[in-house]
Amino acid sequence: MMKRATMARIGVGSLLVLLAGCVATRPLPPPPATGEASWHEVAEPGTKHYQLAMGEVSSGATPFKRVTPTYPTSLLTACPPPQDVQAMLIVDDKGAVSEVRVADEAQADAGRRAFIAAVRAAALQWEFNPLTIDHWTADGDGNSHVVDSETKPFSLDYVFHFACHAGKAAVSTVPTKR
């Protein structure tokens, strides 16, 4: 009889240990790293502008679709110091970004090239109102009207800012003022 009671206690004890093992909690995995971007427009000294003649008026050259760069996921775990990428966006006469130029790209290391690639991938999706130059004249009665108009290509410089805080990325871009 004693043997049966001992076996029952062992069975109940084993069951309790087994159940306790099921209750043990595992640590939750850390949340996935995420990123954001910001930008600002910059005015480079010596930038050339279209010279308008008497009776010419320009308009447009303003962005209406901006895509924020994605922080390079391969660099999130390393969380490098903040990075600024200055890029010149070349915009065609229809308002589409046709080229993105980064002055220091040739000397950039692999990490910086990842940021430059993120800027290029996003900026090539930007869309602008075309730069339009209207030619105005006055008729014999002194009334002004547009004689013709044309669209022109243009460029704007932007600084894209990438930052990582504890594995979470922040990227910003603000247009530079000319």
N, C-alpha and C. Protein backbone atom coordinates (compact mmCIF):
# COMPACT_ATOMS: atom_id res chain seq x y z
N MET A 1 0.82 -1.17 0.00
CA MET A 1 0.00 0.00 0.00
C MET A 1 0.87 1.24 0.00
N MET A 2 1.96 1.17 0.75
CA MET A 2 2.85 2.30 0.84
C MET A 2 3.51 2.55 -0.51
N LYS A 3 3.74 1.50 -1.21
CA LYS A 3 4.36 1.63 -2.50
C LYS A 3 3.43 2.37 -3.46
N ARG A 4 2.14 2.08 -3.37
CA ARG A 4 1.17 2.74 -4.22
C ARG A 4 1.08 4.23 -3.89
N ALA A 5 1.09 4.60 -2.64
CA ALA A 5 1.02 6.00 -2.22
C ALA A 5 2.25 6.75 -2.70
N THR A 6 3.40 6.13 -2.61
CA THR A 6 4.64 6.77 -3.06
C THR A 6 4.59 6.98 -4.57
N MET A 7 4.10 5.99 -5.28
CA MET A 7 4.00 6.10 -6.73
C MET A 7 3.02 7.21 -7.10
N ALA A 8 1.93 7.34 -6.37
CA ALA A 8 0.94 8.38 -6.65
C ALA A 8 1.55 9.75 -6.42
N ARG A 9 2.32 9.88 -5.31
CA ARG A 9 2.97 11.17 -5.03
C ARG A 9 3.98 11.53 -6.12
N ILE A 10 4.72 10.55 -6.55
CA ILE A 10 5.70 10.79 -7.62
C ILE A 10 4.98 11.20 -8.90
N GLY A 11 3.87 10.52 -9.20
CA GLY A 11 3.09 10.84 -10.40
C GLY A 11 2.53 12.25 -10.33
N VAL A 12 1.97 12.63 -9.17
CA VAL A 12 1.41 13.98 -9.00
C VAL A 12 2.53 15.00 -9.06
N GLY A 13 3.65 14.71 -8.41
CA GLY A 13 4.80 15.63 -8.42
C GLY A 13 5.33 15.84 -9.83
N SER A 14 5.42 14.75 -10.59
CA SER A 14 5.89 14.86 -11.98
C SER A 14 4.93 15.68 -12.82
N LEU A 15 3.64 15.49 -12.60
CA LEU A 15 2.62 16.25 -13.32
C LEU A 15 2.74 17.74 -13.00
N LEU A 16 2.96 18.06 -11.72
CA LEU A 16 3.11 19.47 -11.32
C LEU A 16 4.35 20.09 -11.96
N VAL A 17 5.45 19.36 -11.99
CA VAL A 17 6.67 19.86 -12.62
C VAL A 17 6.44 20.08 -14.11
N LEU A 18 5.76 19.13 -14.74
CA LEU A 18 5.47 19.25 -16.17
C LEU A 18 4.59 20.47 -16.43
N LEU A 19 3.56 20.66 -15.62
CA LEU A 19 2.67 21.82 -15.78
C LEU A 19 3.41 23.12 -15.50
N ALA A 20 4.27 23.13 -14.51
CA ALA A 20 5.04 24.34 -14.20
C ALA A 20 5.94 24.72 -15.37
N GLY A 21 6.47 23.73 -16.06
CA GLY A 21 7.30 23.99 -17.23
C GLY A 21 6.50 24.64 -18.34
N CYS A 22 5.22 24.28 -18.43
CA CYS A 22 4.37 24.88 -19.47
C CYS A 22 4.04 26.33 -19.14
N VAL A 23 4.03 26.68 -17.87
CA VAL A 23 3.67 28.03 -17.45
C VAL A 23 4.85 28.99 -17.61
N ALA A 24 6.05 28.50 -17.65
CA ALA A 24 7.23 29.37 -17.74
C ALA A 24 7.12 30.25 -18.98
N THR A 25 7.44 31.52 -18.81
CA THR A 25 7.34 32.46 -19.94
C THR A 25 8.69 32.62 -20.61
N ARG A 26 8.62 32.80 -21.89
CA ARG A 26 9.83 33.06 -22.66
C ARG A 26 9.90 34.56 -22.90
N PRO A 27 11.10 35.12 -22.94
CA PRO A 27 11.19 36.55 -23.21
C PRO A 27 10.70 36.86 -24.63
N LEU A 28 10.01 37.97 -24.75
CA LEU A 28 9.51 38.37 -26.06
C LEU A 28 10.66 38.87 -26.92
N PRO A 29 10.62 38.59 -28.21
CA PRO A 29 11.68 39.10 -29.08
C PRO A 29 11.56 40.62 -29.17
N PRO A 30 12.69 41.31 -29.38
CA PRO A 30 12.62 42.76 -29.49
C PRO A 30 11.80 43.15 -30.73
N PRO A 31 11.16 44.32 -30.67
CA PRO A 31 10.39 44.74 -31.84
C PRO A 31 11.32 44.97 -33.03
N PRO A 32 10.79 44.79 -34.23
CA PRO A 32 11.65 45.00 -35.40
C PRO A 32 12.08 46.46 -35.49
N ALA A 33 13.28 46.69 -35.96
CA ALA A 33 13.78 48.04 -36.12
C ALA A 33 13.05 48.72 -37.28
N THR A 34 12.77 49.99 -37.12
CA THR A 34 12.07 50.74 -38.15
C THR A 34 12.83 52.02 -38.46
N GLY A 35 12.47 52.67 -39.55
CA GLY A 35 13.16 53.89 -39.92
C GLY A 35 12.24 54.94 -40.51
N GLU A 36 12.66 56.18 -40.43
CA GLU A 36 11.94 57.31 -40.99
C GLU A 36 12.95 58.22 -41.67
N ALA A 37 12.46 59.21 -42.44
CA ALA A 37 13.37 60.13 -43.14
C ALA A 37 12.85 61.55 -43.08
N SER A 38 13.77 62.51 -43.18
CA SER A 38 13.40 63.91 -43.34
C SER A 38 14.38 64.57 -44.29
N TRP A 39 14.03 65.73 -44.81
CA TRP A 39 14.88 66.41 -45.78
C TRP A 39 14.67 67.90 -45.68
N HIS A 40 15.61 68.67 -46.18
CA HIS A 40 15.44 70.11 -46.32
C HIS A 40 16.20 70.60 -47.54
N GLU A 41 15.64 71.61 -48.17
CA GLU A 41 16.25 72.18 -49.37
C GLU A 41 17.40 73.08 -48.94
N VAL A 42 18.49 73.07 -49.69
CA VAL A 42 19.64 73.94 -49.39
C VAL A 42 19.98 74.77 -50.62
N ALA A 43 20.57 75.92 -50.37
CA ALA A 43 21.01 76.79 -51.47
C ALA A 43 22.52 76.73 -51.54
N GLU A 44 23.02 76.17 -52.60
CA GLU A 44 24.46 76.09 -52.80
C GLU A 44 24.96 77.42 -53.34
N PRO A 45 26.05 77.95 -52.78
CA PRO A 45 26.61 79.18 -53.32
C PRO A 45 27.02 78.97 -54.78
N GLY A 46 26.78 79.98 -55.60
CA GLY A 46 27.16 79.89 -57.00
C GLY A 46 26.17 79.16 -57.88
N THR A 47 25.01 78.79 -57.32
CA THR A 47 24.01 78.11 -58.13
C THR A 47 23.49 79.07 -59.20
N LYS A 48 23.43 78.60 -60.43
CA LYS A 48 22.95 79.43 -61.54
C LYS A 48 21.43 79.34 -61.63
N HIS A 49 20.82 80.47 -61.96
CA HIS A 49 19.38 80.56 -62.12
C HIS A 49 19.06 81.06 -63.52
N TYR A 50 17.87 80.74 -64.00
CA TYR A 50 17.43 81.29 -65.28
C TYR A 50 17.31 82.80 -65.15
N GLN A 51 17.80 83.53 -66.13
CA GLN A 51 17.66 84.98 -66.17
C GLN A 51 16.41 85.29 -66.99
N LEU A 52 15.44 85.92 -66.36
CA LEU A 52 14.20 86.24 -67.04
C LEU A 52 14.30 87.61 -67.70
N ALA A 53 13.82 87.69 -68.93
CA ALA A 53 13.81 88.96 -69.66
C ALA A 53 12.56 89.75 -69.27
N MET A 54 12.52 91.00 -69.69
CA MET A 54 11.35 91.84 -69.44
C MET A 54 10.12 91.14 -70.03
N GLY A 55 9.07 91.03 -69.26
CA GLY A 55 7.85 90.41 -69.73
C GLY A 55 7.79 88.90 -69.51
N GLU A 56 8.81 88.32 -68.90
CA GLU A 56 8.80 86.88 -68.62
C GLU A 56 8.50 86.65 -67.14
N VAL A 57 7.68 85.65 -66.88
CA VAL A 57 7.30 85.29 -65.51
C VAL A 57 7.46 83.78 -65.37
N SER A 58 8.12 83.36 -64.28
CA SER A 58 8.29 81.92 -64.05
C SER A 58 7.34 81.45 -62.96
N SER A 59 6.96 80.19 -63.04
CA SER A 59 6.13 79.57 -62.01
C SER A 59 6.43 78.08 -61.98
N GLY A 60 5.94 77.42 -60.96
CA GLY A 60 6.16 75.97 -60.83
C GLY A 60 7.43 75.65 -60.09
N ALA A 61 8.06 74.56 -60.48
CA ALA A 61 9.29 74.06 -59.84
C ALA A 61 9.07 73.75 -58.37
N THR A 62 7.86 73.33 -58.03
CA THR A 62 7.54 72.98 -56.65
C THR A 62 7.16 71.50 -56.58
N PRO A 63 7.61 70.81 -55.54
CA PRO A 63 7.29 69.38 -55.44
C PRO A 63 5.83 69.17 -55.03
N PHE A 64 5.20 68.18 -55.62
CA PHE A 64 3.85 67.81 -55.17
C PHE A 64 3.79 66.34 -54.75
N LYS A 65 4.82 65.57 -55.06
CA LYS A 65 4.91 64.18 -54.59
C LYS A 65 6.33 63.94 -54.10
N ARG A 66 6.45 63.64 -52.80
CA ARG A 66 7.75 63.34 -52.22
C ARG A 66 7.69 61.97 -51.56
N VAL A 67 8.69 61.19 -51.79
CA VAL A 67 8.80 59.86 -51.17
C VAL A 67 9.95 59.92 -50.19
N THR A 68 9.69 59.53 -48.96
CA THR A 68 10.71 59.56 -47.92
C THR A 68 11.65 58.37 -48.07
N PRO A 69 12.96 58.60 -48.01
CA PRO A 69 13.90 57.48 -48.10
C PRO A 69 13.70 56.49 -46.95
N THR A 70 14.00 55.25 -47.22
CA THR A 70 13.94 54.21 -46.20
C THR A 70 15.33 54.05 -45.60
N TYR A 71 15.40 54.04 -44.27
CA TYR A 71 16.68 53.83 -43.59
C TYR A 71 17.20 52.46 -44.00
N PRO A 72 18.47 52.34 -44.39
CA PRO A 72 19.01 51.04 -44.81
C PRO A 72 18.90 50.01 -43.67
N THR A 73 18.11 48.97 -43.88
CA THR A 73 17.88 47.97 -42.83
C THR A 73 19.17 47.26 -42.44
N SER A 74 20.10 47.13 -43.37
CA SER A 74 21.36 46.44 -43.08
C SER A 74 22.19 47.20 -42.05
N LEU A 75 21.89 48.48 -41.83
CA LEU A 75 22.68 49.29 -40.89
C LEU A 75 21.96 49.54 -39.57
N LEU A 76 20.70 49.10 -39.44
CA LEU A 76 19.95 49.38 -38.22
C LEU A 76 20.57 48.75 -36.98
N THR A 77 21.02 47.52 -37.06
CA THR A 77 21.57 46.87 -35.86
C THR A 77 22.87 47.54 -35.43
N ALA A 78 23.66 48.05 -36.37
CA ALA A 78 24.90 48.75 -36.02
C ALA A 78 24.60 50.14 -35.48
N CYS A 79 23.48 50.72 -35.89
CA CYS A 79 23.04 52.05 -35.45
C CYS A 79 24.19 53.07 -35.54
N PRO A 80 24.69 53.35 -36.77
CA PRO A 80 25.81 54.28 -36.92
C PRO A 80 25.40 55.71 -36.55
N PRO A 81 26.39 56.61 -36.40
CA PRO A 81 26.08 58.01 -36.09
C PRO A 81 25.20 58.62 -37.20
N PRO A 82 24.51 59.71 -36.91
CA PRO A 82 23.65 60.35 -37.92
C PRO A 82 24.42 60.64 -39.21
N GLN A 83 23.72 60.52 -40.32
CA GLN A 83 24.30 60.74 -41.64
C GLN A 83 23.47 61.78 -42.38
N ASP A 84 24.14 62.73 -43.04
CA ASP A 84 23.49 63.68 -43.94
C ASP A 84 23.97 63.38 -45.35
N VAL A 85 23.05 63.30 -46.28
CA VAL A 85 23.38 63.09 -47.69
C VAL A 85 22.84 64.29 -48.45
N GLN A 86 23.74 65.09 -49.02
CA GLN A 86 23.30 66.21 -49.84
C GLN A 86 23.22 65.74 -51.28
N ALA A 87 22.07 65.97 -51.89
CA ALA A 87 21.83 65.49 -53.25
C ALA A 87 21.23 66.60 -54.10
N MET A 88 21.69 66.65 -55.36
CA MET A 88 21.09 67.56 -56.33
C MET A 88 20.10 66.76 -57.15
N LEU A 89 18.84 67.20 -57.15
CA LEU A 89 17.80 66.54 -57.93
C LEU A 89 17.68 67.28 -59.26
N ILE A 90 17.94 66.58 -60.35
CA ILE A 90 17.81 67.14 -61.69
C ILE A 90 16.40 66.80 -62.17
N VAL A 91 15.63 67.84 -62.47
CA VAL A 91 14.22 67.68 -62.83
C VAL A 91 14.04 68.05 -64.30
N ASP A 92 13.38 67.19 -65.07
CA ASP A 92 13.20 67.46 -66.50
C ASP A 92 12.06 68.47 -66.74
N ASP A 93 11.81 68.79 -67.99
CA ASP A 93 10.82 69.82 -68.31
C ASP A 93 9.38 69.36 -68.08
N LYS A 94 9.19 68.10 -67.72
CA LYS A 94 7.85 67.60 -67.39
C LYS A 94 7.63 67.52 -65.88
N GLY A 95 8.69 67.78 -65.10
CA GLY A 95 8.58 67.76 -63.64
C GLY A 95 9.02 66.46 -62.99
N ALA A 96 9.58 65.53 -63.76
CA ALA A 96 10.05 64.26 -63.20
C ALA A 96 11.53 64.36 -62.85
N VAL A 97 11.92 63.76 -61.74
CA VAL A 97 13.34 63.71 -61.37
C VAL A 97 14.01 62.71 -62.29
N SER A 98 14.97 63.18 -63.07
CA SER A 98 15.64 62.32 -64.04
C SER A 98 17.00 61.83 -63.56
N GLU A 99 17.55 62.54 -62.57
CA GLU A 99 18.89 62.18 -62.08
C GLU A 99 19.05 62.70 -60.65
N VAL A 100 19.83 61.96 -59.86
CA VAL A 100 20.16 62.38 -58.49
C VAL A 100 21.68 62.35 -58.38
N ARG A 101 22.27 63.51 -58.10
CA ARG A 101 23.73 63.61 -58.00
C ARG A 101 24.15 63.86 -56.56
N VAL A 102 25.13 63.07 -56.11
CA VAL A 102 25.70 63.22 -54.77
C VAL A 102 27.19 63.47 -54.96
N ALA A 103 27.66 64.63 -54.51
CA ALA A 103 29.03 65.08 -54.79
C ALA A 103 30.10 64.10 -54.29
N ASP A 104 29.94 63.57 -53.09
CA ASP A 104 31.00 62.73 -52.51
C ASP A 104 30.78 61.24 -52.74
N GLU A 105 29.94 60.88 -53.69
CA GLU A 105 29.60 59.47 -53.89
C GLU A 105 30.81 58.61 -54.26
N ALA A 106 31.71 59.11 -55.08
CA ALA A 106 32.86 58.32 -55.53
C ALA A 106 33.76 57.92 -54.36
N GLN A 107 33.86 58.76 -53.34
CA GLN A 107 34.73 58.48 -52.19
C GLN A 107 33.99 57.76 -51.05
N ALA A 108 32.71 57.52 -51.20
CA ALA A 108 31.91 56.97 -50.10
C ALA A 108 32.25 55.51 -49.82
N ASP A 109 32.23 55.15 -48.52
CA ASP A 109 32.43 53.76 -48.13
C ASP A 109 31.09 53.01 -48.30
N ALA A 110 31.10 51.72 -48.03
CA ALA A 110 29.91 50.89 -48.25
C ALA A 110 28.71 51.36 -47.42
N GLY A 111 28.96 51.76 -46.17
CA GLY A 111 27.87 52.23 -45.32
C GLY A 111 27.22 53.49 -45.89
N ARG A 112 28.06 54.44 -46.29
CA ARG A 112 27.53 55.70 -46.85
C ARG A 112 26.82 55.43 -48.18
N ARG A 113 27.34 54.50 -48.96
CA ARG A 113 26.69 54.17 -50.24
C ARG A 113 25.28 53.63 -50.02
N ALA A 114 25.05 52.95 -48.90
CA ALA A 114 23.70 52.46 -48.60
C ALA A 114 22.74 53.63 -48.37
N PHE A 115 23.22 54.68 -47.69
CA PHE A 115 22.39 55.87 -47.48
C PHE A 115 22.14 56.59 -48.81
N ILE A 116 23.18 56.70 -49.63
CA ILE A 116 23.05 57.36 -50.94
C ILE A 116 22.05 56.59 -51.81
N ALA A 117 22.12 55.27 -51.79
CA ALA A 117 21.18 54.46 -52.57
C ALA A 117 19.74 54.67 -52.10
N ALA A 118 19.55 54.81 -50.79
CA ALA A 118 18.21 55.06 -50.25
C ALA A 118 17.68 56.42 -50.72
N VAL A 119 18.56 57.42 -50.72
CA VAL A 119 18.17 58.75 -51.20
C VAL A 119 17.80 58.68 -52.68
N ARG A 120 18.64 58.05 -53.47
CA ARG A 120 18.40 57.97 -54.92
C ARG A 120 17.08 57.24 -55.21
N ALA A 121 16.85 56.11 -54.56
CA ALA A 121 15.62 55.34 -54.80
C ALA A 121 14.38 56.16 -54.48
N ALA A 122 14.42 56.94 -53.41
CA ALA A 122 13.25 57.75 -53.04
C ALA A 122 13.11 58.98 -53.94
N ALA A 123 14.22 59.70 -54.15
CA ALA A 123 14.16 60.96 -54.91
C ALA A 123 13.74 60.75 -56.36
N LEU A 124 14.09 59.63 -56.95
CA LEU A 124 13.68 59.37 -58.33
C LEU A 124 12.17 59.20 -58.47
N GLN A 125 11.47 59.06 -57.35
CA GLN A 125 10.01 58.95 -57.37
C GLN A 125 9.33 60.31 -57.13
N TRP A 126 10.11 61.33 -56.78
CA TRP A 126 9.53 62.66 -56.54
C TRP A 126 8.98 63.22 -57.84
N GLU A 127 7.94 64.05 -57.72
CA GLU A 127 7.37 64.74 -58.87
C GLU A 127 7.20 66.22 -58.54
N PHE A 128 7.48 67.06 -59.52
CA PHE A 128 7.40 68.51 -59.36
C PHE A 128 6.43 69.09 -60.38
N ASN A 129 5.87 70.25 -60.03
CA ASN A 129 5.16 71.04 -61.04
C ASN A 129 6.25 71.55 -61.97
N PRO A 130 6.07 71.42 -63.28
CA PRO A 130 7.12 71.86 -64.20
C PRO A 130 7.44 73.34 -64.03
N LEU A 131 8.69 73.69 -64.27
CA LEU A 131 9.10 75.09 -64.28
C LEU A 131 8.59 75.68 -65.59
N THR A 132 7.67 76.62 -65.50
CA THR A 132 7.07 77.23 -66.68
C THR A 132 7.47 78.69 -66.76
N ILE A 133 7.89 79.12 -67.93
CA ILE A 133 8.21 80.52 -68.17
C ILE A 133 7.21 81.05 -69.19
N ASP A 134 6.40 82.01 -68.74
CA ASP A 134 5.40 82.64 -69.60
C ASP A 134 5.96 83.94 -70.14
N HIS A 135 5.70 84.21 -71.41
CA HIS A 135 6.12 85.45 -72.07
C HIS A 135 4.88 86.32 -72.24
N TRP A 136 4.88 87.45 -71.56
CA TRP A 136 3.74 88.37 -71.57
C TRP A 136 4.04 89.56 -72.47
N THR A 137 2.98 90.10 -73.03
CA THR A 137 3.10 91.34 -73.80
C THR A 137 1.81 92.14 -73.63
N ALA A 138 1.89 93.39 -73.97
CA ALA A 138 0.70 94.25 -73.90
C ALA A 138 0.24 94.57 -75.32
N ASP A 139 -1.07 94.58 -75.51
CA ASP A 139 -1.59 94.93 -76.83
C ASP A 139 -1.72 96.46 -76.94
N GLY A 140 -2.26 96.94 -78.05
CA GLY A 140 -2.38 98.37 -78.29
C GLY A 140 -3.22 99.09 -77.25
N ASP A 141 -4.14 98.38 -76.59
CA ASP A 141 -4.99 98.99 -75.57
C ASP A 141 -4.36 98.91 -74.18
N GLY A 142 -3.16 98.34 -74.09
CA GLY A 142 -2.48 98.24 -72.80
C GLY A 142 -2.86 97.00 -72.00
N ASN A 143 -3.61 96.08 -72.58
CA ASN A 143 -3.99 94.85 -71.88
C ASN A 143 -2.87 93.81 -72.04
N SER A 144 -2.49 93.20 -70.92
CA SER A 144 -1.42 92.18 -70.94
C SER A 144 -2.01 90.81 -71.20
N HIS A 145 -1.28 90.01 -71.93
CA HIS A 145 -1.68 88.62 -72.16
C HIS A 145 -0.43 87.79 -72.48
N VAL A 146 -0.57 86.48 -72.27
CA VAL A 146 0.54 85.55 -72.52
C VAL A 146 0.66 85.31 -74.02
N VAL A 147 1.86 85.53 -74.54
CA VAL A 147 2.13 85.30 -75.96
C VAL A 147 2.48 83.83 -76.17
N ASP A 148 3.35 83.31 -75.33
CA ASP A 148 3.71 81.89 -75.36
C ASP A 148 4.30 81.50 -74.02
N SER A 149 4.48 80.22 -73.85
CA SER A 149 5.11 79.74 -72.62
C SER A 149 5.89 78.48 -72.94
N GLU A 150 6.87 78.22 -72.09
CA GLU A 150 7.70 77.03 -72.28
C GLU A 150 8.05 76.45 -70.91
N THR A 151 8.30 75.15 -70.89
CA THR A 151 8.77 74.52 -69.66
C THR A 151 10.25 74.25 -69.80
N LYS A 152 10.95 74.32 -68.67
CA LYS A 152 12.41 74.15 -68.67
C LYS A 152 12.82 73.15 -67.59
N PRO A 153 13.93 72.47 -67.80
CA PRO A 153 14.48 71.62 -66.73
C PRO A 153 15.09 72.52 -65.65
N PHE A 154 15.25 71.96 -64.46
CA PHE A 154 15.85 72.71 -63.36
C PHE A 154 16.44 71.72 -62.36
N SER A 155 17.14 72.24 -61.38
CA SER A 155 17.70 71.39 -60.32
C SER A 155 17.50 72.06 -58.98
N LEU A 156 17.38 71.25 -57.94
CA LEU A 156 17.27 71.72 -56.56
C LEU A 156 18.15 70.83 -55.70
N ASP A 157 18.76 71.42 -54.68
CA ASP A 157 19.60 70.68 -53.75
C ASP A 157 18.83 70.41 -52.46
N TYR A 158 18.95 69.19 -51.96
CA TYR A 158 18.31 68.80 -50.72
C TYR A 158 19.32 68.09 -49.83
N VAL A 159 19.13 68.21 -48.52
CA VAL A 159 19.90 67.43 -47.55
C VAL A 159 18.94 66.43 -46.92
N PHE A 160 19.29 65.16 -47.00
CA PHE A 160 18.51 64.08 -46.41
C PHE A 160 19.23 63.66 -45.13
N HIS A 161 18.50 63.63 -44.02
CA HIS A 161 19.11 63.34 -42.71
C HIS A 161 18.63 61.97 -42.22
N PHE A 162 19.59 61.11 -41.89
CA PHE A 162 19.32 59.77 -41.37
C PHE A 162 19.85 59.70 -39.94
N ALA A 163 19.03 59.21 -39.02
CA ALA A 163 19.48 59.04 -37.64
C ALA A 163 18.90 57.74 -37.09
N CYS A 164 19.66 57.12 -36.20
CA CYS A 164 19.25 55.86 -35.58
C CYS A 164 19.36 56.04 -34.07
N HIS A 165 18.30 55.68 -33.35
CA HIS A 165 18.30 55.78 -31.89
C HIS A 165 17.86 54.43 -31.34
N ALA A 166 18.77 53.72 -30.70
CA ALA A 166 18.49 52.42 -30.09
C ALA A 166 17.85 51.45 -31.09
N GLY A 167 18.42 51.40 -32.28
CA GLY A 167 17.93 50.48 -33.29
C GLY A 167 16.72 50.96 -34.05
N LYS A 168 16.24 52.17 -33.74
CA LYS A 168 15.11 52.74 -34.48
C LYS A 168 15.65 53.90 -35.30
N ALA A 169 15.26 53.94 -36.55
CA ALA A 169 15.81 54.93 -37.47
C ALA A 169 14.88 56.11 -37.65
N ALA A 170 15.50 57.26 -37.92
CA ALA A 170 14.76 58.47 -38.29
C ALA A 170 15.49 59.08 -39.47
N VAL A 171 14.75 59.39 -40.52
CA VAL A 171 15.34 59.99 -41.71
C VAL A 171 14.53 61.24 -42.02
N SER A 172 15.22 62.36 -42.28
CA SER A 172 14.50 63.60 -42.57
C SER A 172 15.10 64.29 -43.78
N THR A 173 14.26 65.07 -44.45
CA THR A 173 14.68 65.81 -45.63
C THR A 173 13.93 67.12 -45.66
N VAL A 174 14.63 68.22 -45.80
CA VAL A 174 13.99 69.52 -45.90
C VAL A 174 14.61 70.24 -47.08
N PRO A 175 13.81 70.90 -47.92
CA PRO A 175 14.39 71.58 -49.09
C PRO A 175 15.31 72.70 -48.66
N THR A 176 16.37 72.88 -49.38
CA THR A 176 17.31 73.95 -49.08
C THR A 176 16.85 75.22 -49.77
N LYS A 177 17.12 76.35 -49.18
CA LYS A 177 16.72 77.64 -49.75
C LYS A 177 17.83 78.15 -50.63
N ARG A 178 17.47 78.65 -51.77
CA ARG A 178 18.47 79.20 -52.71
C ARG A 178 18.58 80.68 -52.54
